[in-house]
C-alpha atoms as a PDB file:
ATOM      1  CA  MET A   1      -4.671  14.366 -31.042  1.00  0.00           C
ATOM      2  CA  LYS A   2      -2.475  13.201 -28.190  1.00  0.00           C
ATOM      3  CA  THR A   3      -1.396   9.629 -27.924  1.00  0.00           C
ATOM      4  CA  ILE A   4      -2.442   7.680 -24.849  1.00  0.00           C
ATOM      5  CA  ASP A   5       0.185   5.416 -23.313  1.00  0.00           C
ATOM      6  CA  LYS A   6      -0.424   1.790 -22.359  1.00  0.00           C
ATOM      7  CA  THR A   7      -1.004   2.451 -18.670  1.00  0.00           C
ATOM      8  CA  LYS A   8      -3.756   4.989 -19.312  1.00  0.00           C
ATOM      9  CA  VAL A   9      -5.450   2.663 -21.784  1.00  0.00           C
ATOM     10  CA  THR A  10      -5.294  -0.204 -19.281  1.00  0.00           C
ATOM     11  CA  VAL A  11      -6.745   1.913 -16.463  1.00  0.00           C
ATOM     12  CA  LEU A  12      -9.449   3.231 -18.784  1.00  0.00           C
ATOM     13  CA  ALA A  13     -10.347  -0.313 -19.870  1.00  0.00           C
ATOM     14  CA  ILE A  14     -10.538  -1.564 -16.267  1.00  0.00           C
ATOM     15  CA  GLY A  15     -12.682   1.417 -15.292  1.00  0.00           C
ATOM     16  CA  THR A  16     -15.013   0.921 -18.241  1.00  0.00           C
ATOM     17  CA  ILE A  17     -15.450  -2.786 -17.516  1.00  0.00           C
ATOM     18  CA  THR A  18     -16.100  -2.029 -13.844  1.00  0.00           C
ATOM     19  CA  VAL A  19     -18.751   0.567 -14.692  1.00  0.00           C
ATOM     20  CA  LEU A  20     -20.474  -1.748 -17.171  1.00  0.00           C
ATOM     21  CA  VAL A  21     -20.538  -4.694 -14.759  1.00  0.00           C
ATOM     22  CA  SER A  22     -21.831  -2.455 -11.958  1.00  0.00           C
ATOM     23  CA  LEU A  23     -24.612  -1.021 -14.093  1.00  0.00           C
ATOM     24  CA  ILE A  24     -25.640  -4.447 -15.379  1.00  0.00           C
ATOM     25  CA  GLY A  25     -25.704  -5.809 -11.820  1.00  0.00           C
ATOM     26  CA  ALA A  26     -27.671  -2.830 -10.534  1.00  0.00           C
ATOM     27  CA  LEU A  27     -30.230  -3.186 -13.320  1.00  0.00           C
ATOM     28  CA  ARG A  28     -30.559  -6.923 -12.751  1.00  0.00           C
ATOM     29  CA  ASP A  29     -31.071  -6.651  -8.994  1.00  0.00           C
ATOM     30  CA  LEU A  30     -32.864  -3.280  -9.167  1.00  0.00           C
ATOM     31  CA  ASN A  31     -30.672  -2.195  -6.279  1.00  0.00           C
ATOM     32  CA  LEU A  32     -27.937   0.400  -6.721  1.00  0.00           C
ATOM     33  CA  ILE A  33     -26.763   0.244  -3.097  1.00  0.00           C
ATOM     34  CA  ASN A  34     -25.002  -3.104  -3.599  1.00  0.00           C
ATOM     35  CA  TYR A  35     -23.196  -1.819  -6.684  1.00  0.00           C
ATOM     36  CA  PHE A  36     -22.415   1.753  -5.648  1.00  0.00           C
ATOM     37  CA  PHE A  37     -18.768   1.227  -4.646  1.00  0.00           C
ATOM     38  CA  PRO A  38     -17.732  -0.613  -7.834  1.00  0.00           C
ATOM     39  CA  LEU A  39     -19.530   2.033  -9.887  1.00  0.00           C
ATOM     40  CA  TYR A  40     -17.756   4.794  -7.961  1.00  0.00           C
ATOM     41  CA  ALA A  41     -14.383   3.060  -8.347  1.00  0.00           C
ATOM     42  CA  GLY A  42     -14.897   2.550 -12.078  1.00  0.00           C
ATOM     43  CA  LEU A  43     -15.888   6.157 -12.658  1.00  0.00           C
ATOM     44  CA  THR A  44     -12.884   7.301 -10.618  1.00  0.00           C
ATOM     45  CA  LEU A  45     -10.522   5.152 -12.690  1.00  0.00           C
ATOM     46  CA  MET A  46     -12.012   6.467 -15.911  1.00  0.00           C
ATOM     47  CA  GLY A  47     -11.740  10.060 -14.728  1.00  0.00           C
ATOM     48  CA  VAL A  48      -8.162   9.671 -13.575  1.00  0.00           C
ATOM     49  CA  SER A  49      -7.081   8.098 -16.841  1.00  0.00           C
ATOM     50  CA  LEU A  50      -8.803  10.735 -18.961  1.00  0.00           C
ATOM     51  CA  LEU A  51      -7.940  13.826 -16.918  1.00  0.00           C
ATOM     52  CA  ASN A  52      -4.394  12.946 -15.835  1.00  0.00           C
ATOM     53  CA  LYS A  53      -1.674  14.944 -17.520  1.00  0.00           C
ATOM     54  CA  GLY A  54       1.701  13.285 -17.888  1.00  0.00           C
ATOM     55  CA  ASN A  55       3.790  16.388 -17.225  1.00  0.00           C
ATOM     56  CA  VAL A  56       2.905  16.929 -13.554  1.00  0.00           C
ATOM     57  CA  LYS A  57       6.517  16.523 -12.433  1.00  0.00           C
ATOM     58  CA  LYS A  58       7.740  19.238 -14.804  1.00  0.00           C
ATOM     59  CA  GLU A  59       5.000  21.624 -13.669  1.00  0.00           C
ATOM     60  CA  THR A  60       5.808  20.958 -10.008  1.00  0.00           C
ATOM     61  CA  GLU A  61       9.507  21.593 -10.562  1.00  0.00           C
ATOM     62  CA  SER A  62       8.786  24.876 -12.320  1.00  0.00           C
ATOM     63  CA  VAL A  63       6.550  26.045  -9.456  1.00  0.00           C
ATOM     64  CA  ILE A  64       8.996  25.010  -6.726  1.00  0.00           C
ATOM     65  CA  GLY A  65      11.878  26.647  -8.473  1.00  0.00           C
END
């Protein structure tokens, strides 16, 4: 299993907290419209931290030449 560096863990934690707070707020108010942007931002942060590969620079250099 790969190790996850501190930055990815921090971004994942912020995204998870944002998603949880958004869902709790949406369930309390029964209105998703007011909480859509924080939910979207949290899911984006979680996706970026989980799907980001650390060797993008090396791959780009090998493609460019």
